[in-house]
C-alpha cells in the first residue's frame, strides 16, 4: 500500500469529481464503493484507491491511498496539482 499527498487550488468537491472521472467506471473502470463530501473509495483490478480532500482557505489538501494503482495515482496527482 502506498500513500500520496498534494495541494491544489481546486475545491474539494471538484477534486473528488475528477477522481471519479479518472478512476471510476468512465475512466479506469474502478467501482465507487463509498462517496461522501470529503472522501471517495474505489476498488477494482485487485486493488483500491481512496481519495480524501479538505479545503482550507484557498488551497485543498488531497491525501491518496492506493494498492495496485500507483502509476495512475501519481498521474492523477500531477493533473490536479497544476
N, C-alpha and C. Protein backbone atom coordinates (compact mmCIF):
# COMPACT_ATOMS: atom_id res chain seq x y z
N UNK A 1 0.84 -1.16 0.00
CA UNK A 1 0.00 0.00 0.00
C UNK A 1 0.89 1.23 0.00
N UNK A 2 0.46 2.26 -0.73
CA UNK A 2 1.24 3.49 -0.82
C UNK A 2 0.34 4.69 -0.52
N UNK A 3 0.95 5.73 0.03
CA UNK A 3 0.23 6.96 0.36
C UNK A 3 0.87 8.13 -0.37
N UNK A 4 0.03 9.02 -0.86
CA UNK A 4 0.47 10.21 -1.57
C UNK A 4 -0.30 11.40 -1.01
N UNK A 5 0.26 12.59 -1.16
CA UNK A 5 -0.39 13.81 -0.71
C UNK A 5 0.02 14.95 -1.63
N UNK A 6 -0.90 15.88 -1.86
CA UNK A 6 -0.60 17.05 -2.67
C UNK A 6 -1.52 18.18 -2.25
N UNK A 7 -1.24 19.37 -2.74
CA UNK A 7 -2.11 20.51 -2.55
C UNK A 7 -2.52 21.03 -3.92
N UNK A 8 -3.73 21.60 -3.99
CA UNK A 8 -4.25 22.13 -5.24
C UNK A 8 -5.11 23.34 -4.94
N UNK A 9 -5.38 24.13 -5.95
CA UNK A 9 -6.29 25.26 -5.81
C UNK A 9 -7.73 24.86 -6.10
N UNK A 10 -7.93 23.65 -6.59
CA UNK A 10 -9.27 23.17 -6.89
C UNK A 10 -10.05 22.94 -5.60
N UNK A 11 -11.35 23.23 -5.59
CA UNK A 11 -12.15 22.91 -4.41
C UNK A 11 -12.26 21.40 -4.22
N UNK A 12 -12.48 20.98 -2.99
CA UNK A 12 -12.51 19.54 -2.69
C UNK A 12 -13.56 18.80 -3.51
N UNK A 13 -14.73 19.39 -3.72
CA UNK A 13 -15.78 18.71 -4.50
C UNK A 13 -15.31 18.43 -5.93
N UNK A 14 -14.58 19.37 -6.51
CA UNK A 14 -14.07 19.17 -7.88
C UNK A 14 -12.98 18.11 -7.91
N UNK A 15 -12.12 18.09 -6.90
CA UNK A 15 -11.08 17.06 -6.82
C UNK A 15 -11.72 15.67 -6.81
N UNK A 16 -12.75 15.50 -5.97
CA UNK A 16 -13.39 14.19 -5.86
C UNK A 16 -14.12 13.82 -7.14
N UNK A 17 -14.76 14.80 -7.79
CA UNK A 17 -15.44 14.51 -9.06
C UNK A 17 -14.43 14.11 -10.13
N UNK A 18 -13.30 14.80 -10.18
CA UNK A 18 -12.24 14.43 -11.14
C UNK A 18 -11.69 13.04 -10.83
N UNK A 19 -11.58 12.71 -9.55
CA UNK A 19 -11.10 11.37 -9.18
C UNK A 19 -12.05 10.30 -9.68
N UNK A 20 -13.36 10.53 -9.52
CA UNK A 20 -14.35 9.56 -10.00
C UNK A 20 -14.27 9.44 -11.52
N UNK A 21 -14.12 10.56 -12.21
CA UNK A 21 -13.99 10.52 -13.68
C UNK A 21 -12.73 9.78 -14.11
N UNK A 22 -11.65 9.99 -13.38
CA UNK A 22 -10.35 9.40 -13.73
C UNK A 22 -10.31 7.90 -13.42
N UNK A 23 -10.73 7.54 -12.21
CA UNK A 23 -10.59 6.16 -11.75
C UNK A 23 -11.86 5.32 -11.92
N UNK A 24 -13.02 5.96 -11.94
CA UNK A 24 -14.30 5.26 -11.91
C UNK A 24 -14.70 4.58 -13.21
N UNK A 25 -15.97 4.20 -13.31
CA UNK A 25 -16.48 3.43 -14.45
C UNK A 25 -16.21 4.07 -15.82
N UNK A 26 -16.25 5.40 -15.90
CA UNK A 26 -15.98 6.07 -17.18
C UNK A 26 -14.51 6.28 -17.47
N UNK A 27 -13.65 5.95 -16.51
CA UNK A 27 -12.20 6.13 -16.68
C UNK A 27 -11.51 4.78 -16.68
N UNK A 28 -10.84 4.47 -15.58
CA UNK A 28 -10.08 3.22 -15.48
C UNK A 28 -10.94 2.03 -15.10
N UNK A 29 -12.21 2.26 -14.78
CA UNK A 29 -13.14 1.16 -14.54
C UNK A 29 -13.28 0.68 -13.12
N UNK A 30 -12.74 1.42 -12.15
CA UNK A 30 -12.91 1.03 -10.76
C UNK A 30 -14.33 1.33 -10.31
N UNK A 31 -14.79 0.58 -9.32
CA UNK A 31 -16.13 0.75 -8.78
C UNK A 31 -16.10 1.71 -7.60
N UNK A 32 -17.03 2.67 -7.59
CA UNK A 32 -17.15 3.58 -6.45
C UNK A 32 -17.85 2.83 -5.33
N UNK A 33 -17.15 2.61 -4.23
CA UNK A 33 -17.68 1.86 -3.08
C UNK A 33 -18.26 2.78 -2.03
N UNK A 34 -17.70 3.96 -1.90
CA UNK A 34 -18.14 4.91 -0.89
C UNK A 34 -17.87 6.31 -1.42
N UNK A 35 -18.82 7.20 -1.16
CA UNK A 35 -18.62 8.58 -1.56
C UNK A 35 -19.32 9.48 -0.55
N UNK A 36 -18.60 10.47 -0.05
CA UNK A 36 -19.20 11.49 0.80
C UNK A 36 -18.54 12.82 0.44
N UNK A 37 -18.91 13.92 1.07
CA UNK A 37 -18.38 15.22 0.65
C UNK A 37 -16.86 15.38 0.74
N UNK A 38 -16.19 14.55 1.54
CA UNK A 38 -14.74 14.71 1.72
C UNK A 38 -13.93 13.51 1.24
N UNK A 39 -14.60 12.44 0.80
CA UNK A 39 -13.85 11.21 0.50
C UNK A 39 -14.57 10.38 -0.55
N UNK A 40 -13.75 9.66 -1.33
CA UNK A 40 -14.28 8.67 -2.26
C UNK A 40 -13.37 7.44 -2.22
N UNK A 41 -13.98 6.26 -2.16
CA UNK A 41 -13.26 4.99 -2.17
C UNK A 41 -13.63 4.24 -3.44
N UNK A 42 -12.62 3.75 -4.16
CA UNK A 42 -12.84 2.99 -5.38
C UNK A 42 -12.06 1.69 -5.30
N UNK A 43 -12.64 0.61 -5.85
CA UNK A 43 -11.95 -0.68 -5.85
C UNK A 43 -12.06 -1.33 -7.23
N UNK A 44 -11.10 -2.21 -7.49
CA UNK A 44 -11.10 -2.96 -8.73
C UNK A 44 -9.69 -3.34 -9.13
N UNK A 45 -9.60 -4.31 -10.02
CA UNK A 45 -8.30 -4.73 -10.52
C UNK A 45 -7.37 -5.26 -9.44
N UNK A 46 -7.93 -5.79 -8.37
CA UNK A 46 -7.10 -6.33 -7.30
C UNK A 46 -6.56 -5.29 -6.34
N UNK A 47 -7.06 -4.07 -6.43
CA UNK A 47 -6.56 -3.02 -5.55
C UNK A 47 -7.63 -2.01 -5.22
N UNK A 48 -7.19 -0.87 -4.73
CA UNK A 48 -8.12 0.19 -4.36
C UNK A 48 -7.44 1.55 -4.45
N UNK A 49 -8.28 2.59 -4.48
CA UNK A 49 -7.82 3.98 -4.38
C UNK A 49 -8.78 4.70 -3.45
N UNK A 50 -8.25 5.39 -2.45
CA UNK A 50 -9.04 6.22 -1.55
C UNK A 50 -8.51 7.64 -1.64
N UNK A 51 -9.42 8.59 -1.90
CA UNK A 51 -9.04 9.98 -2.02
C UNK A 51 -9.80 10.78 -0.98
N UNK A 52 -9.07 11.57 -0.18
CA UNK A 52 -9.67 12.45 0.80
C UNK A 52 -9.23 13.87 0.47
N UNK A 53 -10.18 14.81 0.44
CA UNK A 53 -9.86 16.20 0.09
C UNK A 53 -10.45 17.14 1.13
N UNK A 54 -9.61 18.08 1.60
CA UNK A 54 -10.02 19.07 2.60
C UNK A 54 -9.61 20.46 2.12
N UNK A 55 -10.60 21.32 1.93
CA UNK A 55 -10.33 22.69 1.51
C UNK A 55 -10.19 23.57 2.75
N UNK A 56 -9.09 24.32 2.78
CA UNK A 56 -8.83 25.27 3.86
C UNK A 56 -8.37 26.57 3.21
N UNK A 57 -9.22 27.57 3.27
CA UNK A 57 -8.89 28.83 2.61
C UNK A 57 -8.90 28.66 1.10
N UNK A 58 -7.77 29.02 0.47
CA UNK A 58 -7.69 28.94 -0.99
C UNK A 58 -6.99 27.68 -1.49
N UNK A 59 -6.66 26.76 -0.58
CA UNK A 59 -5.98 25.54 -1.01
C UNK A 59 -6.72 24.31 -0.49
N UNK A 60 -6.56 23.24 -1.22
CA UNK A 60 -7.15 21.96 -0.85
C UNK A 60 -6.03 20.96 -0.67
N UNK A 61 -6.03 20.28 0.45
CA UNK A 61 -5.08 19.20 0.70
C UNK A 61 -5.73 17.89 0.28
N UNK A 62 -5.01 17.14 -0.53
CA UNK A 62 -5.53 15.88 -1.06
C UNK A 62 -4.61 14.75 -0.60
N UNK A 63 -5.19 13.76 0.08
CA UNK A 63 -4.46 12.57 0.50
C UNK A 63 -5.01 11.38 -0.27
N UNK A 64 -4.11 10.56 -0.76
CA UNK A 64 -4.49 9.39 -1.56
C UNK A 64 -3.80 8.16 -1.01
N UNK A 65 -4.54 7.08 -0.94
CA UNK A 65 -4.01 5.78 -0.53
C UNK A 65 -4.34 4.80 -1.65
N UNK A 66 -3.39 3.96 -2.00
CA UNK A 66 -3.64 3.03 -3.09
C UNK A 66 -2.92 1.70 -2.90
N UNK A 67 -3.47 0.72 -3.53
CA UNK A 67 -2.81 -0.58 -3.69
C UNK A 67 -3.05 -0.99 -5.14
N UNK A 68 -1.99 -1.23 -5.88
CA UNK A 68 -2.01 -1.69 -7.27
C UNK A 68 -2.26 -0.58 -8.29
N UNK A 69 -2.50 0.65 -7.89
CA UNK A 69 -2.81 1.71 -8.83
C UNK A 69 -1.83 2.88 -8.71
N UNK A 70 -0.61 2.64 -8.26
CA UNK A 70 0.36 3.71 -8.00
C UNK A 70 0.64 4.59 -9.22
N UNK A 71 0.87 3.99 -10.37
CA UNK A 71 1.17 4.77 -11.57
C UNK A 71 0.05 5.75 -11.86
N UNK A 72 -1.18 5.26 -11.82
CA UNK A 72 -2.34 6.09 -12.15
C UNK A 72 -2.61 7.15 -11.07
N UNK A 73 -2.33 6.84 -9.81
CA UNK A 73 -2.48 7.81 -8.74
C UNK A 73 -1.46 8.93 -8.91
N UNK A 74 -0.23 8.58 -9.23
CA UNK A 74 0.80 9.62 -9.46
C UNK A 74 0.41 10.50 -10.65
N UNK A 75 -0.15 9.91 -11.68
CA UNK A 75 -0.62 10.67 -12.84
C UNK A 75 -1.74 11.63 -12.44
N UNK A 76 -2.68 11.16 -11.64
CA UNK A 76 -3.78 12.00 -11.17
C UNK A 76 -3.26 13.16 -10.31
N UNK A 77 -2.30 12.87 -9.43
CA UNK A 77 -1.72 13.90 -8.59
C UNK A 77 -1.10 14.99 -9.44
N UNK A 78 -0.37 14.62 -10.49
CA UNK A 78 0.23 15.61 -11.39
C UNK A 78 -0.85 16.48 -12.04
N UNK A 79 -1.96 15.87 -12.44
CA UNK A 79 -3.03 16.61 -13.11
C UNK A 79 -3.69 17.63 -12.19
N UNK A 80 -3.97 17.28 -10.95
CA UNK A 80 -4.68 18.22 -10.09
C UNK A 80 -3.75 19.23 -9.42
N UNK A 81 -2.46 18.97 -9.38
CA UNK A 81 -1.52 19.88 -8.73
C UNK A 81 -1.13 21.06 -9.62
N UNK A 82 -1.58 21.08 -10.83
CA UNK A 82 -1.22 22.16 -11.77
C UNK A 82 -1.82 23.48 -11.35
